[in-house]
Protein backbone atom coordinates (compact mmCIF):
# COMPACT_ATOMS: atom_id res chain seq x y z
CA MET A 1 18.30 -9.83 -11.60
CA PRO A 2 16.24 -12.53 -13.10
CA ALA A 3 15.79 -12.05 -17.06
CA GLU A 4 12.18 -11.97 -16.84
CA LEU A 5 12.00 -9.13 -14.51
CA ARG A 6 14.25 -6.89 -17.30
CA SER A 7 12.68 -4.11 -19.14
CA PRO A 8 14.09 -1.25 -21.04
CA ALA A 9 11.48 1.18 -19.06
CA LEU A 10 13.76 0.50 -16.19
CA TRP A 11 16.94 2.33 -17.97
CA LEU A 12 14.89 5.93 -18.45
CA PRO A 13 16.71 8.30 -16.36
CA ILE A 14 13.27 9.61 -14.43
CA THR A 15 13.23 9.46 -10.87
CA THR A 16 10.56 11.58 -8.87
CA ALA A 17 13.24 13.87 -6.87
CA GLY A 18 12.12 17.09 -7.74
CA PRO A 19 9.47 19.53 -9.01
CA ILE A 20 10.18 18.65 -12.49
CA SER A 21 10.22 15.19 -12.43
CA LEU A 22 7.15 15.25 -10.27
CA ALA A 23 5.24 16.79 -12.70
CA ILE A 24 6.36 14.57 -15.40
CA GLY A 25 5.37 11.89 -12.72
CA ARG A 26 2.08 12.91 -12.10
CA TRP A 27 1.60 13.34 -15.78
CA ALA A 28 2.58 9.32 -16.40
CA TYR A 29 0.21 8.45 -13.86
CA ASP A 30 -2.90 10.36 -14.94
CA LEU A 31 -2.35 8.36 -18.25
CA ILE A 32 -2.78 5.14 -16.34
CA ALA A 33 -6.21 3.45 -15.71
CA THR A 34 -5.66 -0.17 -15.94
CA ARG A 35 -8.52 -2.76 -16.83
CA ILE A 36 -11.31 -3.63 -14.48
CA ALA A 37 -12.00 -7.22 -14.23
CA ASP A 38 -14.86 -8.96 -15.75
CA ASP A 39 -18.11 -9.54 -13.94
CA VAL A 40 -16.55 -6.96 -10.93
CA GLU A 41 -19.34 -4.15 -10.26
CA VAL A 42 -17.41 -0.50 -9.76
CA THR A 43 -19.34 2.45 -8.41
CA ARG A 44 -18.21 6.13 -6.80
CA HIS A 45 -18.94 7.21 -3.44
CA ASP A 46 -18.42 10.25 -1.88
CA VAL A 47 -16.45 10.19 1.64
CA ASP A 48 -16.74 13.17 4.43
CA GLY A 49 -14.13 15.88 3.52
CA GLY A 50 -15.02 15.67 -0.10
CA GLN A 51 -12.53 12.82 -1.06
CA GLU A 52 -14.07 9.74 -2.65
CA VAL A 53 -14.05 5.78 -2.89
CA TYR A 54 -13.73 3.39 -5.68
CA VAL A 55 -15.88 0.19 -4.28
CA TYR A 56 -15.22 -3.09 -6.22
CA ARG A 57 -17.99 -5.68 -5.48
CA PRO A 58 -17.59 -9.38 -6.90
CA PRO A 59 -20.55 -11.31 -8.27
CA GLN A 60 -20.55 -13.37 -5.14
CA PRO A 61 -19.81 -11.45 -2.20
CA ASN A 62 -18.64 -13.15 1.14
CA GLY A 63 -18.60 -10.66 3.71
CA GLY A 64 -14.98 -9.65 4.05
CA ALA A 65 -13.72 -6.37 2.96
CA LEU A 66 -10.40 -4.48 1.81
CA LEU A 67 -9.70 -0.81 2.13
CA TRP A 68 -6.80 -0.77 -0.61
CA ILE A 69 -4.08 2.50 -0.62
CA HIS A 70 -2.40 3.26 -3.77
CA GLY A 71 1.17 3.83 -4.10
CA GLY A 72 3.28 6.67 -5.51
CA GLY A 73 5.62 7.96 -2.55
CA THR A 74 3.07 9.92 -1.32
CA VAL A 75 3.58 12.82 -3.82
CA GLN A 76 1.56 11.12 -6.95
CA GLY A 77 -0.56 8.42 -7.99
CA ARG A 78 -4.81 7.90 -7.82
CA PRO A 79 -6.62 4.70 -7.37
CA GLU A 80 -7.68 4.71 -11.40
CA ASN A 81 -4.06 3.16 -11.25
CA ASP A 82 -5.31 0.02 -9.64
CA HIS A 83 -8.32 -0.90 -11.16
CA ASP A 84 -7.09 -3.94 -12.26
CA LEU A 85 -5.54 -5.10 -8.96
CA CYS A 86 -8.42 -4.02 -7.00
CA SER A 87 -10.87 -5.47 -9.02
CA ARG A 88 -9.23 -8.95 -9.49
CA LEU A 89 -8.75 -9.26 -5.58
CA ALA A 90 -12.71 -8.57 -5.50
CA ARG A 91 -13.35 -11.33 -7.75
CA ASP A 92 -11.10 -13.57 -7.39
CA GLN A 93 -11.27 -13.62 -2.98
CA GLY A 94 -14.84 -12.91 -3.08
CA ILE A 95 -14.73 -9.65 -1.16
CA VAL A 96 -15.77 -6.08 -1.77
CA VAL A 97 -12.53 -3.88 -2.02
CA VAL A 98 -12.92 -0.12 -1.22
CA SER A 99 -9.87 2.09 -3.09
CA THR A 100 -9.70 5.45 -1.80
CA ARG A 101 -8.27 8.72 -3.04
CA TYR A 102 -6.08 11.12 -0.81
CA ARG A 103 -4.16 14.36 -1.27
CA LEU A 104 -0.89 14.50 -2.21
CA ALA A 105 2.29 15.93 -1.01
CA PRO A 106 3.97 18.49 -0.86
CA GLU A 107 0.88 20.58 -1.32
CA HIS A 108 -0.84 18.51 1.34
CA PRO A 109 1.82 17.13 4.11
CA PHE A 110 0.89 15.19 6.73
CA PRO A 111 -1.51 14.11 8.31
CA ALA A 112 -3.57 14.89 5.31
CA ALA A 113 -3.28 11.38 3.45
CA HIS A 114 -3.31 9.64 6.63
CA ASP A 115 -6.57 11.66 7.68
CA ASP A 116 -8.09 10.81 4.39
CA CYS A 117 -7.06 7.00 4.37
CA PHE A 118 -8.19 6.61 8.05
CA ALA A 119 -11.76 8.34 6.90
CA ALA A 120 -12.23 5.99 4.34
CA LEU A 121 -11.71 3.16 7.07
CA GLN A 122 -14.32 4.98 9.34
CA TRP A 123 -16.65 5.07 5.94
CA LEU A 124 -16.10 1.32 5.30
CA HIS A 125 -17.17 0.38 8.72
CA ARG A 126 -20.34 2.84 8.78
CA SER A 127 -21.11 1.17 5.28
CA THR A 128 -21.23 -2.51 6.49
CA ASP A 129 -25.04 -2.57 6.19
CA MET A 130 -25.33 -1.08 2.29
CA LEU A 131 -21.84 -3.08 1.28
CA GLY A 132 -23.18 -6.47 2.81
CA ILE A 133 -20.02 -6.81 4.90
CA ASP A 134 -18.98 -8.13 8.22
CA PRO A 135 -17.47 -5.71 10.39
CA GLY A 136 -15.32 -8.10 11.78
CA ARG A 137 -13.89 -8.75 8.48
CA ILE A 138 -12.52 -5.76 7.20
CA ALA A 139 -8.82 -5.60 6.25
CA VAL A 140 -6.41 -2.47 5.36
CA GLY A 141 -3.88 -2.87 2.74
CA GLY A 142 -1.75 -0.88 0.64
CA ALA A 143 1.48 -0.72 -1.76
CA SER A 144 4.80 1.27 -1.51
CA ALA A 145 3.52 4.47 0.24
CA GLY A 146 0.38 3.29 0.30
CA GLY A 147 1.37 0.25 2.24
CA GLY A 148 3.05 2.88 4.64
CA LEU A 149 -0.18 4.66 4.81
CA ALA A 150 -2.60 1.50 5.35
CA ALA A 151 0.19 0.33 8.53
CA GLY A 152 -0.29 3.95 9.79
CA VAL A 153 -3.93 3.71 9.82
CA VAL A 154 -4.08 0.14 11.14
CA GLN A 155 -1.83 1.47 14.00
CA ARG A 156 -4.32 4.52 14.64
CA ALA A 157 -7.39 1.67 14.12
CA HIS A 158 -5.96 -0.26 17.02
CA ASP A 159 -5.08 2.56 19.47
CA GLU A 160 -9.09 4.20 18.40
CA GLY A 161 -10.62 0.73 18.70
CA VAL A 162 -11.51 0.71 15.14
CA PRO A 163 -12.06 -3.09 14.06
CA VAL A 164 -9.31 -4.41 11.60
CA ALA A 165 -8.75 -8.27 11.00
CA PHE A 166 -5.81 -8.31 8.72
CA GLN A 167 -3.14 -5.80 7.14
CA LEU A 168 -1.82 -6.41 3.83
CA LEU A 169 1.38 -4.37 3.02
CA LEU A 170 2.89 -4.85 -0.55
CA TYR A 171 6.70 -3.42 -0.60
CA PRO A 172 5.50 -0.77 2.01
CA MET A 173 7.08 3.07 2.47
CA LEU A 174 7.48 2.71 6.67
CA ASP A 175 10.50 4.46 8.02
CA ASP A 176 11.62 7.80 7.18
CA ARG A 177 14.80 7.12 8.65
CA THR A 178 15.79 5.08 5.44
CA THR A 179 17.24 8.43 4.16
CA THR A 180 20.06 8.80 6.45
CA ARG A 181 21.42 5.34 6.17
CA PRO A 182 24.27 4.64 3.99
CA ARG A 183 23.35 3.67 0.17
CA SER A 184 23.89 0.25 -1.09
CA GLN A 185 23.02 -1.79 -4.26
CA ARG A 186 19.36 -1.65 -3.05
CA GLY A 187 17.25 0.88 -4.38
CA ARG A 188 18.92 1.47 -7.75
CA LEU A 189 15.75 0.83 -9.76
CA VAL A 190 12.16 2.45 -9.84
CA TRP A 191 12.18 4.03 -6.20
CA THR A 192 15.56 5.15 -5.62
CA PRO A 193 17.34 6.83 -2.57
CA ASP A 194 16.92 10.23 -4.09
CA ALA A 195 13.38 9.43 -4.93
CA ASN A 196 13.02 8.54 -1.24
CA VAL A 197 14.85 11.43 0.51
CA PHE A 198 11.92 13.68 -2.02
CA GLY A 199 9.00 11.66 -0.91
CA TRP A 200 9.49 11.62 3.08
CA ALA A 201 10.61 15.67 2.54
CA ALA A 202 7.48 16.32 0.81
CA TYR A 203 5.53 14.40 3.17
CA LEU A 204 7.26 15.46 6.46
CA GLY A 205 9.32 18.31 5.91
CA ALA A 206 13.02 18.74 5.26
CA ALA A 207 13.88 18.26 8.89
CA HIS A 208 12.00 15.22 9.49
CA ALA A 209 14.69 12.31 9.92
CA SER A 210 16.59 14.45 13.11
CA THR A 211 13.11 15.04 14.65
CA ASP A 212 10.74 13.73 16.85
CA LEU A 213 7.39 12.79 14.92
CA PRO A 214 3.50 12.61 15.40
CA ARG A 215 2.12 9.54 15.70
CA TYR A 216 1.60 7.29 12.61
CA ALA A 217 3.66 9.74 10.29
CA ALA A 218 6.59 7.21 10.07
CA PRO A 219 4.62 3.57 10.96
CA GLY A 220 8.19 2.38 10.82
CA ARG A 221 9.45 4.31 14.05
CA ARG A 222 6.50 2.98 16.52
CA THR A 223 8.13 0.96 19.46
CA ASP A 224 4.99 -0.74 20.93
CA LEU A 225 3.54 -3.65 18.12
CA ALA A 226 1.56 -5.25 20.47
CA GLY A 227 -2.19 -6.00 19.50
CA LEU A 228 -1.56 -5.71 15.76
CA PRO A 229 -3.45 -7.36 13.25
CA PRO A 230 -2.32 -10.43 11.67
CA THR A 231 0.05 -9.36 8.97
CA TRP A 232 1.38 -10.14 5.04
CA ILE A 233 4.30 -8.29 4.08
CA GLY A 234 5.80 -8.84 0.20
CA VAL A 235 9.06 -7.34 -0.70
CA GLY A 236 11.84 -8.08 -3.03
CA ASP A 237 15.29 -8.46 -2.08
CA LEU A 238 16.64 -5.29 -4.30
CA ASP A 239 13.77 -3.15 -3.61
CA LEU A 240 15.24 -0.07 -1.47
CA PHE A 241 12.39 -0.98 1.37
CA TYR A 242 13.62 -4.36 1.79
CA GLU A 243 15.53 -3.65 5.37
CA GLU A 244 12.71 -1.52 6.94
CA ASP A 245 10.06 -4.13 5.55
CA THR A 246 11.90 -7.35 7.04
CA GLY A 247 12.66 -5.30 9.98
CA TYR A 248 8.91 -4.30 10.48
CA ALA A 249 7.86 -7.97 10.35
CA GLN A 250 10.68 -9.17 12.70
CA ARG A 251 9.29 -6.65 15.30
CA LEU A 252 5.63 -7.37 14.60
CA LYS A 253 6.24 -11.04 15.14
CA ALA A 254 8.29 -10.38 18.16
CA ALA A 255 4.89 -8.48 19.54
CA GLY A 256 3.39 -11.76 19.47
CA THR A 257 1.67 -10.77 15.88
CA ALA A 258 0.83 -13.44 13.10
CA VAL A 259 3.15 -12.44 10.03
CA ASP A 260 3.42 -13.84 6.50
CA LEU A 261 6.72 -12.39 5.15
CA ARG A 262 6.77 -13.18 1.45
CA ILE A 263 10.55 -11.95 0.25
CA GLU A 264 11.01 -12.25 -3.56
CA PRO A 265 14.67 -13.07 -4.78
CA GLY A 266 15.45 -10.42 -7.49
CA MET A 267 12.91 -8.63 -7.52
CA TYR A 268 12.65 -4.60 -7.39
CA HIS A 269 10.67 -2.02 -6.38
CA ALA A 270 7.20 -2.40 -8.00
CA ALA A 271 8.36 -4.80 -10.48
CA ASP A 272 4.68 -6.69 -9.95
CA TYR A 273 3.27 -4.04 -11.85
CA LEU A 274 5.99 -3.00 -14.40
CA LYS A 275 6.23 -7.27 -15.11
CA HIS A 276 2.73 -8.12 -14.34
CA THR A 277 2.99 -11.17 -17.03
CA SER A 278 6.09 -12.69 -15.75
CA PRO A 279 5.69 -16.06 -13.90
CA SER A 280 7.63 -14.93 -10.63
CA MET A 281 5.61 -11.87 -10.32
CA ARG A 282 2.03 -13.86 -10.83
CA ALA A 283 2.87 -16.00 -8.36
CA PHE A 284 3.95 -13.18 -5.95
CA ARG A 285 0.93 -11.43 -6.61
CA GLN A 286 -1.05 -14.76 -6.07
CA SER A 287 0.37 -15.28 -2.60
CA MET A 288 -0.72 -11.59 -1.77
CA PHE A 289 -4.04 -12.66 -3.18
CA ASP A 290 -4.12 -15.98 -1.03
CA ALA A 291 -3.19 -14.13 1.75
CA VAL A 292 -6.26 -11.59 1.97
CA GLY A 293 -8.55 -14.91 1.44
CA ARG A 294 -6.89 -16.56 4.51
CA GLY A 295 -6.89 -13.53 6.67
CA LEU A 296 -10.62 -12.55 6.09
CA GLY A 297 -11.57 -16.58 6.09
CA SER A 298 -12.64 -16.36 2.48
CA PRO A 299 -13.86 -19.73 1.20
CA CYS A 300 -11.90 -19.13 -1.65
CA SER A 301 -8.73 -19.08 0.72
């Protein structure tokens, strides 16, 4: 691991793998509300079903938009944790960013989170006139579990004819079968194999890996990837999700999708959050920002 990515926080003996650690994790997430970038207007809106979204409007919008889905293993996290990320994306790329709240497992297993996120995409399409958005320039993205939810939303959007121009998958949690694979040196930090077992079981039930699943429950299981939009996938080579993410990228390419795969050497899961000021993580985040601009045809690209 590069010295710039080391942190004392990595050695804390806490992983989200049971009710007590989940309660601690949710408490910690509730304390985090990151800073909103200057000159970005933020408003809250209700979506059908009682959920809400944050809308980040840049000073000079260019007509593009991104639906963003936060991470947290499907069991924790909230949109306020990504105020900084979403507002900087809006400001730097000139796009409207919509960040959605969704119901968490295990209290609300699949399809609750998926349905909430898809409802947010439908709301975004219905709100294009109000938000000044080109309906042909809407992207969907997310981090970790939010990246997996984003991939499932994009698959469903393709199947149901809802336009999505681009998908942005930040170390996405795609395939529940990772829980059954032999453990390796990957995934020893932040999101561990034990956390992964807990997260998927909370979302899909204890027997998920040995059963057939409904569509969109684990996007990495989908066999037909033809017709999905251009994609950026970013993952570190120490991340537990490295194999499923690079495999998904390869299968998307084989199906004819344009894919920009960013593999970051020495990066563990969510290092761009924990060590966001390090040079490598600033460059990693910038590659993601630039990909959104290119994917939506932004004049900032």
